[in-house]
Amino acid sequence: MNDPRPVEFGGEHMTLASLARRIEELEQENARLKQDQSKATKRYRKEEELKPYEAELIKFQQQLEKDNRRMIIVFEGRDAAGKGGAIQRITFYMNPRHCRVVALGRPTIEQRTQWYFQKYISQFPRGGEIVIFDRSWYNRAMVEPVFGFCTEKEHRDFMLGVAGFEQDLVRQGTLLIKFYFSVSKEVQAQRFEIRKTNPLKQWKLSEIDLQVQERWDDFSRVKYAMLERTHTQAAPWTIVDANSKHRARLNAIKVILNRIDYEGRNDALDYTPDPAVVHSGAQELEKMAADLLGSGRFIE
């Protein structure tokens, strides 16, 4: 290896030591290319698996338009649970004239003087329209009380009134789906780290994001209280295990497609949500209660 005599490689003359380094570099580059190809193949397969269900969503939307029905889909969950990505896949091929995504910020000074639900009601769908809330009125059940953005009375009033509000909404004909995307503390930490280092995702990282890991148990407590109070027969919660973004997206779409019958349904597809990914709010409450009894804390 220390032989100073040059050897020819690829039309170049170099020492054995230089040749060895070059071979090592090529092997590393080859391994990286194989890894990139593998990732691209997996990504392609995931997108291909979603496409037939996304096509069904178009038929689903057309049925709502034909029947002049209103639909609201609520996405809740911890930061970095993958809510935004799921919404993007659900709406990707939908007609934007009959589907809107609503993501409201903190209430303004004027809105703080209004009835809490007022700013959300102003965004509700007309006949034949789907409105998807990327976080909703449930900000007052989780984010606001944890970070002190509302008073104890405001939080208590919300918890006392929200079930009746939703019951009336459903009674008057609005289709309502409430998703809670559940993610483990470890996966959330990994996704935050990606946001810190990936320049294309740094915009997603906020000051609040930097605190949520420290407030994990606080969020678990308010989550339990929220589910206990607001998982109702009229407006139940659907819990989606979002540690795998792809499986979460696929199964959320299946839940939506099962909400109504629609013309042209492709009977060759499997519309049954994976029970390892999707379960009810009642099951989540049982699991969290068992965690608390067994370890003295909620484990998610």
C-alpha atoms as a PDB file:
ATOM      1  CA  MET A   1       0.000   0.000   0.000  1.00  0.00           C
ATOM      2  CA  ASN A   2       3.030   2.263   0.560  1.00  0.00           C
ATOM      3  CA  ASP A   3       4.419   1.419  -2.891  1.00  0.00           C
ATOM      4  CA  PRO A   4       5.064   4.839  -4.461  1.00  0.00           C
ATOM      5  CA  ARG A   5       4.867   3.460  -7.994  1.00  0.00           C
ATOM      6  CA  PRO A   6       1.777   4.770  -9.800  1.00  0.00           C
ATOM      7  CA  VAL A   7      -0.918   2.484 -11.149  1.00  0.00           C
ATOM      8  CA  GLU A   8      -3.487   3.265 -13.839  1.00  0.00           C
ATOM      9  CA  PHE A   9      -7.164   3.479 -12.864  1.00  0.00           C
ATOM     10  CA  GLY A  10      -9.899   4.924 -15.064  1.00  0.00           C
ATOM     11  CA  GLY A  11      -7.372   6.561 -17.333  1.00  0.00           C
ATOM     12  CA  GLU A  12      -5.565   8.188 -14.397  1.00  0.00           C
ATOM     13  CA  HIS A  13      -2.241   7.373 -12.775  1.00  0.00           C
ATOM     14  CA  MET A  14      -2.187   7.280  -8.972  1.00  0.00           C
ATOM     15  CA  THR A  15      -0.471   5.602  -6.051  1.00  0.00           C
ATOM     16  CA  LEU A  16      -1.906   2.512  -4.405  1.00  0.00           C
ATOM     17  CA  ALA A  17      -2.887   4.598  -1.356  1.00  0.00           C
ATOM     18  CA  SER A  18      -4.747   7.074  -3.564  1.00  0.00           C
ATOM     19  CA  LEU A  19      -6.402   4.190  -5.412  1.00  0.00           C
ATOM     20  CA  ALA A  20      -7.569   2.652  -2.144  1.00  0.00           C
ATOM     21  CA  ARG A  21      -9.092   5.972  -1.058  1.00  0.00           C
ATOM     22  CA  ARG A  22     -10.775   6.351  -4.431  1.00  0.00           C
ATOM     23  CA  ILE A  23     -12.270   2.861  -4.250  1.00  0.00           C
ATOM     24  CA  GLU A  24     -13.575   3.569  -0.746  1.00  0.00           C
ATOM     25  CA  GLU A  25     -15.153   6.823  -1.962  1.00  0.00           C
ATOM     26  CA  LEU A  26     -16.820   5.009  -4.854  1.00  0.00           C
ATOM     27  CA  GLU A  27     -18.158   2.305  -2.537  1.00  0.00           C
ATOM     28  CA  GLN A  28     -19.624   4.951  -0.220  1.00  0.00           C
ATOM     29  CA  GLU A  29     -21.178   6.791  -3.168  1.00  0.00           C
ATOM     30  CA  ASN A  30     -22.638   3.530  -4.476  1.00  0.00           C
ATOM     31  CA  ALA A  31     -24.143   2.744  -1.056  1.00  0.00           C
ATOM     32  CA  ARG A  32     -25.664   6.249  -0.879  1.00  0.00           C
ATOM     33  CA  LEU A  33     -27.176   5.895  -4.352  1.00  0.00           C
ATOM     34  CA  LYS A  34     -28.669   2.530  -3.443  1.00  0.00           C
ATOM     35  CA  GLN A  35     -30.151   4.033  -0.279  1.00  0.00           C
ATOM     36  CA  ASP A  36     -31.596   6.976  -2.217  1.00  0.00           C
ATOM     37  CA  GLN A  37     -33.043   4.592  -4.800  1.00  0.00           C
ATOM     38  CA  SER A  38     -34.572   2.479  -2.049  1.00  0.00           C
ATOM     39  CA  LYS A  39     -36.151   5.562  -0.459  1.00  0.00           C
ATOM     40  CA  ALA A  40     -37.496   6.730  -3.811  1.00  0.00           C
ATOM     41  CA  THR A  41     -38.951   3.283  -4.500  1.00  0.00           C
ATOM     42  CA  LYS A  42     -40.641   3.171  -1.105  1.00  0.00           C
ATOM     43  CA  ARG A  43     -42.014   6.684  -1.594  1.00  0.00           C
ATOM     44  CA  TYR A  44     -43.364   5.727  -5.030  1.00  0.00           C
ATOM     45  CA  ARG A  45     -45.039   2.586  -3.670  1.00  0.00           C
ATOM     46  CA  LYS A  46     -46.684   4.562  -0.869  1.00  0.00           C
ATOM     47  CA  GLU A  47     -48.023   7.142  -3.309  1.00  0.00           C
ATOM     48  CA  GLU A  48     -49.306   4.402  -5.601  1.00  0.00           C
ATOM     49  CA  GLU A  49     -51.092   2.772  -2.659  1.00  0.00           C
ATOM     50  CA  LEU A  50     -52.834   6.067  -1.842  1.00  0.00           C
ATOM     51  CA  LYS A  51     -53.904   6.957  -5.385  1.00  0.00           C
ATOM     52  CA  PRO A  52     -56.935   4.650  -5.756  1.00  0.00           C
ATOM     53  CA  TYR A  53     -58.285   5.929  -2.423  1.00  0.00           C
ATOM     54  CA  GLU A  54     -57.639   9.527  -3.459  1.00  0.00           C
ATOM     55  CA  ALA A  55     -59.674   8.793  -6.585  1.00  0.00           C
ATOM     56  CA  GLU A  56     -62.489   7.588  -4.339  1.00  0.00           C
ATOM     57  CA  LEU A  57     -62.342  10.894  -2.452  1.00  0.00           C
ATOM     58  CA  ILE A  58     -63.228  12.670  -5.705  1.00  0.00           C
ATOM     59  CA  LYS A  59     -66.355  10.526  -6.050  1.00  0.00           C
ATOM     60  CA  PHE A  60     -67.088  11.089  -2.369  1.00  0.00           C
ATOM     61  CA  GLN A  61     -66.858  14.853  -2.844  1.00  0.00           C
ATOM     62  CA  GLN A  62     -69.082  14.738  -5.932  1.00  0.00           C
ATOM     63  CA  GLN A  63     -71.735  12.881  -3.932  1.00  0.00           C
ATOM     64  CA  LEU A  64     -71.709  15.581  -1.257  1.00  0.00           C
ATOM     65  CA  GLU A  65     -72.127  18.215  -3.964  1.00  0.00           C
ATOM     66  CA  LYS A  66     -74.984  16.286  -5.563  1.00  0.00           C
ATOM     67  CA  ASP A  67     -76.767  15.871  -2.225  1.00  0.00           C
ATOM     68  CA  ASN A  68     -75.936  19.448  -1.145  1.00  0.00           C
ATOM     69  CA  ARG A  69     -74.567  18.157   2.171  1.00  0.00           C
ATOM     70  CA  ARG A  70     -72.159  19.947   4.501  1.00  0.00           C
ATOM     71  CA  MET A  71     -69.099  18.269   5.971  1.00  0.00           C
ATOM     72  CA  ILE A  72     -66.538  19.293   8.604  1.00  0.00           C
ATOM     73  CA  ILE A  73     -63.366  17.308   9.290  1.00  0.00           C
ATOM     74  CA  VAL A  74     -61.392  18.275  12.389  1.00  0.00           C
ATOM     75  CA  PHE A  75     -57.715  17.378  12.736  1.00  0.00           C
ATOM     76  CA  GLU A  76     -56.267  17.578  16.231  1.00  0.00           C
ATOM     77  CA  GLY A  77     -53.169  16.132  17.860  1.00  0.00           C
ATOM     78  CA  ARG A  78     -49.768  17.060  19.193  1.00  0.00           C
ATOM     79  CA  ASP A  79     -47.316  19.127  17.179  1.00  0.00           C
ATOM     80  CA  ALA A  80     -45.451  17.104  14.534  1.00  0.00           C
ATOM     81  CA  ALA A  81     -48.138  14.411  14.523  1.00  0.00           C
ATOM     82  CA  GLY A  82     -48.458  14.702  10.743  1.00  0.00           C
ATOM     83  CA  LYS A  83     -51.819  16.464  10.557  1.00  0.00           C
ATOM     84  CA  GLY A  84     -50.744  18.887   7.831  1.00  0.00           C
ATOM     85  CA  GLY A  85     -49.309  16.172   5.602  1.00  0.00           C
ATOM     86  CA  ALA A  86     -52.456  14.065   5.956  1.00  0.00           C
ATOM     87  CA  ILE A  87     -54.621  17.043   5.015  1.00  0.00           C
ATOM     88  CA  GLN A  88     -52.462  17.672   1.943  1.00  0.00           C
ATOM     89  CA  ARG A  89     -52.927  14.100   0.733  1.00  0.00           C
ATOM     90  CA  ILE A  90     -56.666  14.128   1.385  1.00  0.00           C
ATOM     91  CA  THR A  91     -57.218  17.362  -0.536  1.00  0.00           C
ATOM     92  CA  PHE A  92     -54.594  16.864  -3.264  1.00  0.00           C
ATOM     93  CA  TYR A  93     -57.021  15.867  -6.037  1.00  0.00           C
ATOM     94  CA  MET A  94     -60.200  17.361  -4.625  1.00  0.00           C
ATOM     95  CA  ASN A  95     -62.051  20.207  -6.316  1.00  0.00           C
ATOM     96  CA  PRO A  96     -60.824  23.308  -4.427  1.00  0.00           C
ATOM     97  CA  ARG A  97     -64.060  25.145  -5.195  1.00  0.00           C
ATOM     98  CA  HIS A  98     -65.897  22.758  -2.891  1.00  0.00           C
ATOM     99  CA  CYS A  99     -63.197  22.039  -0.313  1.00  0.00           C
ATOM    100  CA  ARG A 100     -61.393  24.436   2.034  1.00  0.00           C
ATOM    101  CA  VAL A 101     -58.661  24.018   4.631  1.00  0.00           C
ATOM    102  CA  VAL A 102     -58.954  26.368   7.602  1.00  0.00           C
ATOM    103  CA  ALA A 103     -56.038  27.001   9.969  1.00  0.00           C
ATOM    104  CA  LEU A 104     -56.802  29.903  12.293  1.00  0.00           C
ATOM    105  CA  GLY A 105     -54.238  31.596  14.507  1.00  0.00           C
ATOM    106  CA  ARG A 106     -54.576  32.958  18.013  1.00  0.00           C
ATOM    107  CA  PRO A 107     -57.748  34.993  18.587  1.00  0.00           C
ATOM    108  CA  THR A 108     -57.418  38.719  17.941  1.00  0.00           C
ATOM    109  CA  ILE A 109     -58.323  41.296  20.583  1.00  0.00           C
ATOM    110  CA  GLU A 110     -61.709  41.711  18.896  1.00  0.00           C
ATOM    111  CA  GLN A 111     -62.296  37.952  18.741  1.00  0.00           C
ATOM    112  CA  ARG A 112     -61.495  37.643  22.440  1.00  0.00           C
ATOM    113  CA  THR A 113     -64.606  39.762  23.108  1.00  0.00           C
ATOM    114  CA  GLN A 114     -66.816  37.518  20.939  1.00  0.00           C
ATOM    115  CA  TRP A 115     -68.477  34.195  21.642  1.00  0.00           C
ATOM    116  CA  TYR A 116     -65.614  31.706  21.388  1.00  0.00           C
ATOM    117  CA  PHE A 117     -67.170  29.620  18.604  1.00  0.00           C
ATOM    118  CA  GLN A 118     -67.985  32.680  16.493  1.00  0.00           C
ATOM    119  CA  LYS A 119     -64.772  32.804  14.473  1.00  0.00           C
ATOM    120  CA  TYR A 120     -65.079  29.098  13.676  1.00  0.00           C
ATOM    121  CA  ILE A 121     -68.739  29.286  12.691  1.00  0.00           C
ATOM    122  CA  SER A 122     -67.867  31.973  10.159  1.00  0.00           C
ATOM    123  CA  GLN A 123     -65.747  29.325   8.382  1.00  0.00           C
ATOM    124  CA  PHE A 124     -68.377  26.571   8.362  1.00  0.00           C
ATOM    125  CA  PRO A 125     -69.288  24.938   5.019  1.00  0.00           C
ATOM    126  CA  ARG A 126     -72.165  25.720   2.737  1.00  0.00           C
ATOM    127  CA  GLY A 127     -74.148  22.933   1.073  1.00  0.00           C
ATOM    128  CA  GLY A 128     -71.961  20.643  -1.020  1.00  0.00           C
ATOM    129  CA  GLU A 129     -68.733  21.807   0.630  1.00  0.00           C
ATOM    130  CA  ILE A 130     -66.094  20.177   2.826  1.00  0.00           C
ATOM    131  CA  VAL A 131     -64.216  22.288   5.363  1.00  0.00           C
ATOM    132  CA  ILE A 132     -61.140  20.776   7.012  1.00  0.00           C
ATOM    133  CA  PHE A 133     -59.894  22.380  10.214  1.00  0.00           C
ATOM    134  CA  ASP A 134     -56.152  22.069  10.774  1.00  0.00           C
ATOM    135  CA  ARG A 135     -56.670  22.544  14.502  1.00  0.00           C
ATOM    136  CA  SER A 136     -60.075  23.775  15.506  1.00  0.00           C
ATOM    137  CA  TRP A 137     -62.126  25.033  18.420  1.00  0.00           C
ATOM    138  CA  TYR A 138     -60.320  22.316  20.391  1.00  0.00           C
ATOM    139  CA  ASN A 139     -57.413  24.717  20.785  1.00  0.00           C
ATOM    140  CA  ARG A 140     -59.272  25.761  23.920  1.00  0.00           C
ATOM    141  CA  ALA A 141     -59.239  22.192  25.205  1.00  0.00           C
ATOM    142  CA  MET A 142     -55.502  21.571  24.806  1.00  0.00           C
ATOM    143  CA  VAL A 143     -53.045  24.220  23.579  1.00  0.00           C
ATOM    144  CA  GLU A 144     -54.613  27.247  25.259  1.00  0.00           C
ATOM    145  CA  PRO A 145     -54.888  25.876  28.808  1.00  0.00           C
ATOM    146  CA  VAL A 146     -51.417  24.282  28.703  1.00  0.00           C
ATOM    147  CA  PHE A 147     -49.735  27.522  27.640  1.00  0.00           C
ATOM    148  CA  GLY A 148     -51.996  29.875  29.552  1.00  0.00           C
ATOM    149  CA  PHE A 149     -53.620  31.407  26.475  1.00  0.00           C
ATOM    150  CA  CYS A 150     -57.043  31.254  28.142  1.00  0.00           C
ATOM    151  CA  THR A 151     -58.362  31.606  31.676  1.00  0.00           C
ATOM    152  CA  GLU A 152     -59.536  28.674  33.781  1.00  0.00           C
ATOM    153  CA  LYS A 153     -63.098  29.935  33.416  1.00  0.00           C
ATOM    154  CA  GLU A 154     -62.800  30.145  29.618  1.00  0.00           C
ATOM    155  CA  HIS A 155     -61.496  26.583  29.535  1.00  0.00           C
ATOM    156  CA  ARG A 156     -64.227  25.355  31.875  1.00  0.00           C
ATOM    157  CA  ASP A 157     -66.979  27.108  29.900  1.00  0.00           C
ATOM    158  CA  PHE A 158     -65.700  25.519  26.684  1.00  0.00           C
ATOM    159  CA  MET A 159     -65.658  22.032  28.171  1.00  0.00           C
ATOM    160  CA  LEU A 160     -69.200  22.485  29.463  1.00  0.00           C
ATOM    161  CA  GLY A 161     -70.577  23.729  26.161  1.00  0.00           C
ATOM    162  CA  VAL A 162     -68.735  22.011  23.323  1.00  0.00           C
ATOM    163  CA  ALA A 163     -70.631  18.696  23.374  1.00  0.00           C
ATOM    164  CA  GLY A 164     -73.972  20.468  23.054  1.00  0.00           C
ATOM    165  CA  PHE A 165     -72.581  22.721  20.333  1.00  0.00           C
ATOM    166  CA  GLU A 166     -71.468  19.718  18.276  1.00  0.00           C
ATOM    167  CA  GLN A 167     -74.658  17.792  18.939  1.00  0.00           C
ATOM    168  CA  ASP A 168     -76.701  20.683  17.556  1.00  0.00           C
ATOM    169  CA  LEU A 169     -74.352  20.961  14.572  1.00  0.00           C
ATOM    170  CA  VAL A 170     -74.842  17.292  13.720  1.00  0.00           C
ATOM    171  CA  ARG A 171     -78.582  17.385  14.432  1.00  0.00           C
ATOM    172  CA  GLN A 172     -78.977  20.082  11.811  1.00  0.00           C
ATOM    173  CA  GLY A 173     -77.356  17.922   9.141  1.00  0.00           C
ATOM    174  CA  THR A 174     -73.629  18.664   9.162  1.00  0.00           C
ATOM    175  CA  LEU A 175     -71.412  15.602   8.778  1.00  0.00           C
ATOM    176  CA  LEU A 176     -68.664  15.841  11.405  1.00  0.00           C
ATOM    177  CA  ILE A 177     -65.492  13.758  11.669  1.00  0.00           C
ATOM    178  CA  LYS A 178     -63.048  14.401  14.505  1.00  0.00           C
ATOM    179  CA  PHE A 179     -59.535  12.982  14.104  1.00  0.00           C
ATOM    180  CA  TYR A 180     -56.945  12.954  16.852  1.00  0.00           C
ATOM    181  CA  PHE A 181     -53.498  12.087  15.460  1.00  0.00           C
ATOM    182  CA  SER A 182     -51.506  10.376  18.209  1.00  0.00           C
ATOM    183  CA  VAL A 183     -47.712  10.300  18.132  1.00  0.00           C
ATOM    184  CA  SER A 184     -45.182   8.975  20.625  1.00  0.00           C
ATOM    185  CA  LYS A 185     -42.829  11.287  22.484  1.00  0.00           C
ATOM    186  CA  GLU A 186     -39.823   9.684  20.806  1.00  0.00           C
ATOM    187  CA  VAL A 187     -41.206  10.107  17.280  1.00  0.00           C
ATOM    188  CA  GLN A 188     -42.204  13.701  18.021  1.00  0.00           C
ATOM    189  CA  ALA A 189     -38.626  14.425  19.172  1.00  0.00           C
ATOM    190  CA  GLN A 190     -37.222  12.889  15.968  1.00  0.00           C
ATOM    191  CA  ARG A 191     -39.514  15.030  13.815  1.00  0.00           C
ATOM    192  CA  PHE A 192     -38.586  18.172  15.720  1.00  0.00           C
ATOM    193  CA  GLU A 193     -34.917  17.383  15.124  1.00  0.00           C
ATOM    194  CA  ILE A 194     -35.579  17.094  11.388  1.00  0.00           C
ATOM    195  CA  ARG A 195     -37.303  20.477  11.474  1.00  0.00           C
ATOM    196  CA  LYS A 196     -34.257  21.990  13.146  1.00  0.00           C
ATOM    197  CA  THR A 197     -31.779  20.662  10.591  1.00  0.00           C
ATOM    198  CA  ASN A 198     -33.771  20.607   7.343  1.00  0.00           C
ATOM    199  CA  PRO A 199     -33.899  24.126   5.819  1.00  0.00           C
ATOM    200  CA  LEU A 200     -37.058  23.163   3.904  1.00  0.00           C
ATOM    201  CA  LYS A 201     -38.889  22.390   7.143  1.00  0.00           C
ATOM    202  CA  GLN A 202     -37.491  24.972   9.546  1.00  0.00           C
ATOM    203  CA  TRP A 203     -40.505  27.216   8.964  1.00  0.00           C
ATOM    204  CA  LYS A 204     -42.597  24.599  10.790  1.00  0.00           C
ATOM    205  CA  LEU A 205     -40.599  25.044  13.994  1.00  0.00           C
ATOM    206  CA  SER A 206     -42.019  27.608  16.423  1.00  0.00           C
ATOM    207  CA  GLU A 207     -41.164  28.785  19.908  1.00  0.00           C
ATOM    208  CA  ILE A 208     -44.023  26.676  21.251  1.00  0.00           C
ATOM    209  CA  ASP A 209     -42.620  23.585  19.523  1.00  0.00           C
ATOM    210  CA  LEU A 210     -39.458  23.963  21.574  1.00  0.00           C
ATOM    211  CA  GLN A 211     -41.536  23.646  24.772  1.00  0.00           C
ATOM    212  CA  VAL A 212     -43.990  20.872  23.953  1.00  0.00           C
ATOM    213  CA  GLN A 213     -41.633  18.013  24.809  1.00  0.00           C
ATOM    214  CA  GLU A 214     -41.191  19.481  28.290  1.00  0.00           C
ATOM    215  CA  ARG A 215     -44.989  19.830  28.581  1.00  0.00           C
ATOM    216  CA  TRP A 216     -45.689  16.284  27.379  1.00  0.00           C
ATOM    217  CA  ASP A 217     -47.445  15.166  30.576  1.00  0.00           C
ATOM    218  CA  ASP A 218     -49.480  18.379  30.708  1.00  0.00           C
ATOM    219  CA  PHE A 219     -50.769  17.709  27.218  1.00  0.00           C
ATOM    220  CA  SER A 220     -51.589  14.121  28.166  1.00  0.00           C
ATOM    221  CA  ARG A 221     -53.712  15.298  31.091  1.00  0.00           C
ATOM    222  CA  VAL A 222     -55.725  17.777  29.045  1.00  0.00           C
ATOM    223  CA  LYS A 223     -56.061  15.250  26.237  1.00  0.00           C
ATOM    224  CA  TYR A 224     -57.634  12.759  28.637  1.00  0.00           C
ATOM    225  CA  ALA A 225     -60.021  15.401  30.011  1.00  0.00           C
ATOM    226  CA  MET A 226     -60.948  16.447  26.475  1.00  0.00           C
ATOM    227  CA  LEU A 227     -61.714  12.902  25.300  1.00  0.00           C
ATOM    228  CA  GLU A 228     -63.641  12.119  28.458  1.00  0.00           C
ATOM    229  CA  ARG A 229     -65.878  15.164  27.978  1.00  0.00           C
ATOM    230  CA  THR A 230     -66.198  15.352  24.203  1.00  0.00           C
ATOM    231  CA  HIS A 231     -66.188  11.769  22.889  1.00  0.00           C
ATOM    232  CA  THR A 232     -69.946  11.558  22.419  1.00  0.00           C
ATOM    233  CA  GLN A 233     -72.349   9.453  20.400  1.00  0.00           C
ATOM    234  CA  ALA A 234     -73.201  12.447  18.200  1.00  0.00           C
ATOM    235  CA  ALA A 235     -69.568  13.505  17.675  1.00  0.00           C
ATOM    236  CA  PRO A 236     -67.124  10.705  18.508  1.00  0.00           C
ATOM    237  CA  TRP A 237     -63.342  10.952  18.278  1.00  0.00           C
ATOM    238  CA  THR A 238     -61.351   8.749  15.909  1.00  0.00           C
ATOM    239  CA  ILE A 239     -57.813   8.180  17.178  1.00  0.00           C
ATOM    240  CA  VAL A 240     -55.145   7.604  14.530  1.00  0.00           C
ATOM    241  CA  ASP A 241     -51.704   6.240  15.413  1.00  0.00           C
ATOM    242  CA  ALA A 242     -49.534   8.648  13.428  1.00  0.00           C
ATOM    243  CA  ASN A 243     -46.059   7.261  14.154  1.00  0.00           C
ATOM    244  CA  SER A 244     -46.158   6.084  10.532  1.00  0.00           C
ATOM    245  CA  LYS A 245     -47.258   9.031   8.401  1.00  0.00           C
ATOM    246  CA  HIS A 246     -48.209   6.857   5.442  1.00  0.00           C
ATOM    247  CA  ARG A 247     -50.368   4.457   7.443  1.00  0.00           C
ATOM    248  CA  ALA A 248     -52.016   7.385   9.228  1.00  0.00           C
ATOM    249  CA  ARG A 249     -52.903   9.064   5.916  1.00  0.00           C
ATOM    250  CA  LEU A 250     -54.218   5.895   4.301  1.00  0.00           C
ATOM    251  CA  ASN A 251     -56.393   4.960   7.248  1.00  0.00           C
ATOM    252  CA  ALA A 252     -57.734   8.485   7.743  1.00  0.00           C
ATOM    253  CA  ILE A 253     -58.879   8.442   4.112  1.00  0.00           C
ATOM    254  CA  LYS A 254     -60.596   5.105   4.704  1.00  0.00           C
ATOM    255  CA  VAL A 255     -62.463   6.538   7.695  1.00  0.00           C
ATOM    256  CA  ILE A 256     -63.680   9.455   5.581  1.00  0.00           C
ATOM    257  CA  LEU A 257     -64.780   7.215   2.697  1.00  0.00           C
ATOM    258  CA  ASN A 258     -66.833   5.103   5.097  1.00  0.00           C
ATOM    259  CA  ARG A 259     -68.793   8.118   6.315  1.00  0.00           C
ATOM    260  CA  ILE A 260     -71.409   8.066   3.544  1.00  0.00           C
ATOM    261  CA  ASP A 261     -72.459   5.891   0.623  1.00  0.00           C
ATOM    262  CA  TYR A 262     -71.530   7.346  -2.746  1.00  0.00           C
ATOM    263  CA  GLU A 263     -72.014   6.429  -6.385  1.00  0.00           C
ATOM    264  CA  GLY A 264     -69.308   4.591  -8.304  1.00  0.00           C
ATOM    265  CA  ARG A 265     -67.588   3.112  -5.246  1.00  0.00           C
ATOM    266  CA  ASN A 266     -64.719   0.821  -6.234  1.00  0.00           C
ATOM    267  CA  ASP A 267     -65.642  -2.417  -4.500  1.00  0.00           C
ATOM    268  CA  ALA A 268     -62.246  -3.943  -5.271  1.00  0.00           C
ATOM    269  CA  LEU A 269     -60.610  -1.747  -2.619  1.00  0.00           C
ATOM    270  CA  ASP A 270     -60.323  -2.565   1.076  1.00  0.00           C
ATOM    271  CA  TYR A 271     -62.061   0.176   3.051  1.00  0.00           C
ATOM    272  CA  THR A 272     -61.592  -1.366   6.484  1.00  0.00           C
ATOM    273  CA  PRO A 273     -59.330   0.781   8.699  1.00  0.00           C
ATOM    274  CA  ASP A 274     -56.407  -1.059  10.252  1.00  0.00           C
ATOM    275  CA  PRO A 275     -57.274  -1.658  13.934  1.00  0.00           C
ATOM    276  CA  ALA A 276     -53.574  -1.297  14.760  1.00  0.00           C
ATOM    277  CA  VAL A 277     -53.753   2.268  13.446  1.00  0.00           C
ATOM    278  CA  VAL A 278     -57.332   3.436  14.073  1.00  0.00           C
ATOM    279  CA  HIS A 279     -59.438   3.095  17.202  1.00  0.00           C
ATOM    280  CA  SER A 280     -62.187   4.974  18.994  1.00  0.00           C
ATOM    281  CA  GLY A 281     -61.938   7.704  21.582  1.00  0.00           C
ATOM    282  CA  ALA A 282     -63.483   5.317  24.097  1.00  0.00           C
ATOM    283  CA  GLN A 283     -60.668   2.801  23.521  1.00  0.00           C
ATOM    284  CA  GLU A 284     -58.079   5.561  23.907  1.00  0.00           C
ATOM    285  CA  LEU A 285     -59.620   6.568  27.224  1.00  0.00           C
ATOM    286  CA  GLU A 286     -59.450   2.974  28.437  1.00  0.00           C
ATOM    287  CA  LYS A 287     -55.813   2.700  27.396  1.00  0.00           C
ATOM    288  CA  MET A 288     -54.844   5.980  29.050  1.00  0.00           C
ATOM    289  CA  ALA A 289     -56.701   5.041  32.245  1.00  0.00           C
ATOM    290  CA  ALA A 290     -54.886   1.678  32.330  1.00  0.00           C
ATOM    291  CA  ASP A 291     -51.546   3.468  31.841  1.00  0.00           C
ATOM    292  CA  LEU A 292     -52.324   5.812  34.705  1.00  0.00           C
ATOM    293  CA  LEU A 293     -53.361   2.960  36.980  1.00  0.00           C
ATOM    294  CA  GLY A 294     -50.314   0.861  36.123  1.00  0.00           C
ATOM    295  CA  SER A 295     -47.542   3.453  36.146  1.00  0.00           C
ATOM    296  CA  GLY A 296     -49.010   6.564  37.706  1.00  0.00           C
ATOM    297  CA  ARG A 297     -48.785   8.509  34.433  1.00  0.00           C
ATOM    298  CA  PHE A 298     -50.245   8.519  30.935  1.00  0.00           C
ATOM    299  CA  ILE A 299     -48.033   6.707  28.419  1.00  0.00           C
ATOM    300  CA  GLU A 300     -48.443   7.547  24.738  1.00  0.00           C
END
